[in-house]
Amino acid sequence: MTHVAFVGIGSNLDGPFARVRTAFDELDALPRSRVSGRSSLYRSASIGGPPQPDYVNAVARLETRLAPDELLAALLAIETRHARSRTIPNAARTLDLDLLLYDSATRDGPGLQLPHPRMHARRFVLAPLLEVDPGLQVPGHGPVAQLLERCLGQRLQRID
């Protein structure tokens, strides 16, 4: 059975534009998966953590036969190949891949929460999501278009 998942992509270290573009290709190369939608790239300010450069963000829509845990493991493996470090919470990142949505599943486990926590309040997630799927709903929160209206005060710039 094929599932639809949305993956948030972010980077603010070591060539973030190239890393985000490469991440789309790496997601498309995942086994039993294909990228079926790509957002534009966006620039956003960091939220929380130590002072750091702006992020480059995007969203990929995946059609996948991987189970949620398998997909998450694959995303973490891609991050590892990009030398992602998790030493300081909310620190700058070479690559951050977040499993935002998996069909309309909800889950609150220790290793995976669906939908991704706080995504419903982050413009840098909602704007690219809306671009990829204008009718998308976030389970438990509502339509992406309405959620985005609540975040318009957050700085975000489309860059391609």
C-alpha atoms as a PDB file:
ATOM      1  CA  MET A   1       0.000   0.000   0.000  1.00  0.00           C
ATOM      2  CA  THR A   2       1.286   3.435  -0.928  1.00  0.00           C
ATOM      3  CA  HIS A   3       1.187   6.184   1.696  1.00  0.00           C
ATOM      4  CA  VAL A   4       1.625   9.935   1.404  1.00  0.00           C
ATOM      5  CA  ALA A   5       4.145  11.550   3.724  1.00  0.00           C
ATOM      6  CA  PHE A   6       5.381  15.114   3.982  1.00  0.00           C
ATOM      7  CA  VAL A   7       8.977  15.806   4.995  1.00  0.00           C
ATOM      8  CA  GLY A   8      10.254  19.162   6.214  1.00  0.00           C
ATOM      9  CA  ILE A   9      13.770  19.984   5.039  1.00  0.00           C
ATOM     10  CA  GLY A  10      16.006  22.578   6.671  1.00  0.00           C
ATOM     11  CA  SER A  11      19.651  23.605   6.732  1.00  0.00           C
ATOM     12  CA  ASN A  12      21.672  26.585   7.913  1.00  0.00           C
ATOM     13  CA  LEU A  13      25.270  25.322   7.794  1.00  0.00           C
ATOM     14  CA  ASP A  14      27.807  24.360   5.132  1.00  0.00           C
ATOM     15  CA  GLY A  15      26.005  25.365   1.942  1.00  0.00           C
ATOM     16  CA  PRO A  16      22.355  25.184   2.991  1.00  0.00           C
ATOM     17  CA  PHE A  17      20.918  25.843  -0.504  1.00  0.00           C
ATOM     18  CA  ALA A  18      22.831  22.928  -1.988  1.00  0.00           C
ATOM     19  CA  ARG A  19      22.055  20.671   0.976  1.00  0.00           C
ATOM     20  CA  VAL A  20      18.313  21.255   0.692  1.00  0.00           C
ATOM     21  CA  ARG A  21      18.360  20.661  -3.062  1.00  0.00           C
ATOM     22  CA  THR A  22      20.419  17.492  -2.557  1.00  0.00           C
ATOM     23  CA  ALA A  23      17.999  16.317   0.130  1.00  0.00           C
ATOM     24  CA  PHE A  24      15.168  16.289  -2.432  1.00  0.00           C
ATOM     25  CA  ASP A  25      17.238  13.939  -4.610  1.00  0.00           C
ATOM     26  CA  GLU A  26      18.147  11.728  -1.654  1.00  0.00           C
ATOM     27  CA  LEU A  27      14.502  11.477  -0.620  1.00  0.00           C
ATOM     28  CA  ASP A  28      13.580  10.525  -4.182  1.00  0.00           C
ATOM     29  CA  ALA A  29      16.188   7.741  -4.037  1.00  0.00           C
ATOM     30  CA  LEU A  30      14.745   6.121  -0.907  1.00  0.00           C
ATOM     31  CA  PRO A  31      13.622   2.530  -1.438  1.00  0.00           C
ATOM     32  CA  ARG A  32       9.938   2.042  -2.307  1.00  0.00           C
ATOM     33  CA  SER A  33       9.466   5.832  -2.339  1.00  0.00           C
ATOM     34  CA  ARG A  34       9.364   8.752  -4.724  1.00  0.00           C
ATOM     35  CA  VAL A  35       9.128  12.510  -4.350  1.00  0.00           C
ATOM     36  CA  SER A  36       5.799  13.555  -5.862  1.00  0.00           C
ATOM     37  CA  GLY A  37       5.926  17.219  -4.855  1.00  0.00           C
ATOM     38  CA  ARG A  38       8.584  19.829  -4.096  1.00  0.00           C
ATOM     39  CA  SER A  39       8.082  23.244  -2.581  1.00  0.00           C
ATOM     40  CA  SER A  40      10.105  26.312  -3.359  1.00  0.00           C
ATOM     41  CA  LEU A  41      12.982  27.159  -1.042  1.00  0.00           C
ATOM     42  CA  TYR A  42      12.362  29.639   1.764  1.00  0.00           C
ATOM     43  CA  ARG A  43      14.599  31.619   4.105  1.00  0.00           C
ATOM     44  CA  SER A  44      13.580  31.809   7.762  1.00  0.00           C
ATOM     45  CA  ALA A  45      15.056  33.020  11.017  1.00  0.00           C
ATOM     46  CA  SER A  46      16.063  30.424  13.579  1.00  0.00           C
ATOM     47  CA  ILE A  47      13.652  29.821  16.453  1.00  0.00           C
ATOM     48  CA  GLY A  48      15.168  29.127  19.862  1.00  0.00           C
ATOM     49  CA  GLY A  49      18.670  27.931  20.557  1.00  0.00           C
ATOM     50  CA  PRO A  50      21.912  29.899  20.324  1.00  0.00           C
ATOM     51  CA  PRO A  51      22.358  32.727  17.769  1.00  0.00           C
ATOM     52  CA  GLN A  52      22.792  31.217  14.314  1.00  0.00           C
ATOM     53  CA  PRO A  53      22.398  31.889  10.592  1.00  0.00           C
ATOM     54  CA  ASP A  54      19.022  31.896   8.848  1.00  0.00           C
ATOM     55  CA  TYR A  55      17.662  28.591   7.594  1.00  0.00           C
ATOM     56  CA  VAL A  56      16.826  27.429   4.114  1.00  0.00           C
ATOM     57  CA  ASN A  57      13.584  25.425   4.338  1.00  0.00           C
ATOM     58  CA  ALA A  58      11.419  23.381   2.006  1.00  0.00           C
ATOM     59  CA  VAL A  59       8.877  20.546   2.037  1.00  0.00           C
ATOM     60  CA  ALA A  60       8.794  17.323   0.025  1.00  0.00           C
ATOM     61  CA  ARG A  61       5.700  15.245  -0.638  1.00  0.00           C
ATOM     62  CA  LEU A  62       6.585  11.540  -0.736  1.00  0.00           C
ATOM     63  CA  GLU A  63       4.661   8.579  -1.981  1.00  0.00           C
ATOM     64  CA  THR A  64       6.099   5.677  -0.025  1.00  0.00           C
ATOM     65  CA  ARG A  65       5.577   2.068   0.863  1.00  0.00           C
ATOM     66  CA  LEU A  66       7.830   2.448   3.893  1.00  0.00           C
ATOM     67  CA  ALA A  67       6.181   2.254   7.310  1.00  0.00           C
ATOM     68  CA  PRO A  68       6.494   5.410   9.442  1.00  0.00           C
ATOM     69  CA  ASP A  69       9.336   3.998  11.549  1.00  0.00           C
ATOM     70  CA  GLU A  70      11.210   2.808   8.458  1.00  0.00           C
ATOM     71  CA  LEU A  71      10.814   6.212   6.848  1.00  0.00           C
ATOM     72  CA  LEU A  72      12.013   7.989   9.980  1.00  0.00           C
ATOM     73  CA  ALA A  73      15.074   5.711  10.129  1.00  0.00           C
ATOM     74  CA  ALA A  74      15.827   6.521   6.480  1.00  0.00           C
ATOM     75  CA  LEU A  75      15.542  10.263   7.182  1.00  0.00           C
ATOM     76  CA  LEU A  76      17.913   9.988  10.131  1.00  0.00           C
ATOM     77  CA  ALA A  77      20.391   8.073   7.968  1.00  0.00           C
ATOM     78  CA  ILE A  78      20.349  10.885   5.393  1.00  0.00           C
ATOM     79  CA  GLU A  79      20.956  13.434   8.167  1.00  0.00           C
ATOM     80  CA  THR A  80      23.894  11.351   9.409  1.00  0.00           C
ATOM     81  CA  ARG A  81      25.429  11.302   5.922  1.00  0.00           C
ATOM     82  CA  HIS A  82      25.275  15.115   6.048  1.00  0.00           C
ATOM     83  CA  ALA A  83      27.160  15.162   9.367  1.00  0.00           C
ATOM     84  CA  ARG A  84      24.115  16.233  11.393  1.00  0.00           C
ATOM     85  CA  SER A  85      25.104  16.808  15.029  1.00  0.00           C
ATOM     86  CA  ARG A  86      22.612  16.658  17.907  1.00  0.00           C
ATOM     87  CA  THR A  87      24.791  17.922  20.757  1.00  0.00           C
ATOM     88  CA  ILE A  88      22.888  21.143  21.607  1.00  0.00           C
ATOM     89  CA  PRO A  89      19.086  21.445  21.357  1.00  0.00           C
ATOM     90  CA  ASN A  90      17.945  23.824  18.585  1.00  0.00           C
ATOM     91  CA  ALA A  91      21.527  24.333  17.404  1.00  0.00           C
ATOM     92  CA  ALA A  92      22.488  25.120  13.817  1.00  0.00           C
ATOM     93  CA  ARG A  93      22.217  22.137  11.458  1.00  0.00           C
ATOM     94  CA  THR A  94      23.822  20.876   8.303  1.00  0.00           C
ATOM     95  CA  LEU A  95      20.544  19.094   7.503  1.00  0.00           C
ATOM     96  CA  ASP A  96      17.288  18.580   9.351  1.00  0.00           C
ATOM     97  CA  LEU A  97      14.643  16.212   7.963  1.00  0.00           C
ATOM     98  CA  ASP A  98      11.360  16.078   9.847  1.00  0.00           C
ATOM     99  CA  LEU A  99       8.570  13.612   9.171  1.00  0.00           C
ATOM    100  CA  LEU A 100       5.695  16.075   9.347  1.00  0.00           C
ATOM    101  CA  LEU A 101       2.724  13.999   8.253  1.00  0.00           C
ATOM    102  CA  TYR A 102       2.129  10.386   7.269  1.00  0.00           C
ATOM    103  CA  ASP A 103      -1.301  10.017   5.667  1.00  0.00           C
ATOM    104  CA  SER A 104      -3.672  11.284   8.362  1.00  0.00           C
ATOM    105  CA  ALA A 105      -1.975   9.231  11.093  1.00  0.00           C
ATOM    106  CA  THR A 106      -1.673  10.474  14.642  1.00  0.00           C
ATOM    107  CA  ARG A 107       0.919   9.032  16.973  1.00  0.00           C
ATOM    108  CA  ASP A 108       2.577  10.107  20.195  1.00  0.00           C
ATOM    109  CA  GLY A 109       5.475   7.744  20.718  1.00  0.00           C
ATOM    110  CA  PRO A 110       8.894   8.332  22.232  1.00  0.00           C
ATOM    111  CA  GLY A 111      10.685   8.292  18.878  1.00  0.00           C
ATOM    112  CA  LEU A 112       8.002   9.616  16.559  1.00  0.00           C
ATOM    113  CA  GLN A 113       5.130  12.049  16.934  1.00  0.00           C
ATOM    114  CA  LEU A 114       2.612  12.534  14.137  1.00  0.00           C
ATOM    115  CA  PRO A 115       1.777  15.127  13.132  1.00  0.00           C
ATOM    116  CA  HIS A 116       5.143  16.640  13.942  1.00  0.00           C
ATOM    117  CA  PRO A 117       4.848  18.740  17.110  1.00  0.00           C
ATOM    118  CA  ARG A 118       4.761  22.511  16.632  1.00  0.00           C
ATOM    119  CA  MET A 119       4.447  22.248  12.834  1.00  0.00           C
ATOM    120  CA  HIS A 120       0.994  23.823  13.072  1.00  0.00           C
ATOM    121  CA  ALA A 121       2.563  27.009  14.490  1.00  0.00           C
ATOM    122  CA  ARG A 122       5.579  27.358  12.178  1.00  0.00           C
ATOM    123  CA  ARG A 123       5.295  29.486   9.063  1.00  0.00           C
ATOM    124  CA  PHE A 124       8.469  27.959   7.575  1.00  0.00           C
ATOM    125  CA  VAL A 125       6.659  24.596   7.560  1.00  0.00           C
ATOM    126  CA  LEU A 126       3.131  25.717   6.676  1.00  0.00           C
ATOM    127  CA  ALA A 127       3.942  27.969   3.689  1.00  0.00           C
ATOM    128  CA  PRO A 128       5.822  25.259   1.760  1.00  0.00           C
ATOM    129  CA  LEU A 129       3.189  22.674   2.763  1.00  0.00           C
ATOM    130  CA  LEU A 130       0.438  24.884   1.372  1.00  0.00           C
ATOM    131  CA  GLU A 131       2.409  25.300  -1.844  1.00  0.00           C
ATOM    132  CA  VAL A 132       2.740  21.525  -2.289  1.00  0.00           C
ATOM    133  CA  ASP A 133      -0.836  20.626  -1.240  1.00  0.00           C
ATOM    134  CA  PRO A 134      -3.288  23.557  -0.935  1.00  0.00           C
ATOM    135  CA  GLY A 135      -6.081  21.422   0.554  1.00  0.00           C
ATOM    136  CA  LEU A 136      -3.959  19.676   3.174  1.00  0.00           C
ATOM    137  CA  GLN A 137      -5.228  19.241   6.729  1.00  0.00           C
ATOM    138  CA  VAL A 138      -3.084  18.760   9.837  1.00  0.00           C
ATOM    139  CA  PRO A 139      -4.816  16.123  11.983  1.00  0.00           C
ATOM    140  CA  GLY A 140      -6.065  17.664  15.209  1.00  0.00           C
ATOM    141  CA  HIS A 141      -5.302  21.212  14.042  1.00  0.00           C
ATOM    142  CA  GLY A 142      -7.196  21.900  10.813  1.00  0.00           C
ATOM    143  CA  PRO A 143      -6.499  23.192   7.300  1.00  0.00           C
ATOM    144  CA  VAL A 144      -2.943  24.305   6.558  1.00  0.00           C
ATOM    145  CA  ALA A 145      -4.270  27.511   4.943  1.00  0.00           C
ATOM    146  CA  GLN A 146      -6.004  28.553   8.183  1.00  0.00           C
ATOM    147  CA  LEU A 147      -3.028  27.597  10.343  1.00  0.00           C
ATOM    148  CA  LEU A 148      -0.746  29.677   8.124  1.00  0.00           C
ATOM    149  CA  GLU A 149      -2.904  32.780   8.645  1.00  0.00           C
ATOM    150  CA  ARG A 150      -2.085  32.594  12.369  1.00  0.00           C
ATOM    151  CA  CYS A 151       1.666  32.659  11.657  1.00  0.00           C
ATOM    152  CA  LEU A 152       1.945  35.560   9.238  1.00  0.00           C
ATOM    153  CA  GLY A 153       3.951  37.592  11.768  1.00  0.00           C
ATOM    154  CA  GLN A 154       6.853  35.136  11.507  1.00  0.00           C
ATOM    155  CA  ARG A 155       9.553  36.223   9.056  1.00  0.00           C
ATOM    156  CA  LEU A 156       9.729  34.079   5.931  1.00  0.00           C
ATOM    157  CA  GLN A 157      11.029  34.815   2.430  1.00  0.00           C
ATOM    158  CA  ARG A 158      10.565  32.683  -0.672  1.00  0.00           C
ATOM    159  CA  ILE A 159      13.955  32.504  -2.362  1.00  0.00           C
ATOM    160  CA  ASP A 160      13.338  30.460  -5.519  1.00  0.00           C
END
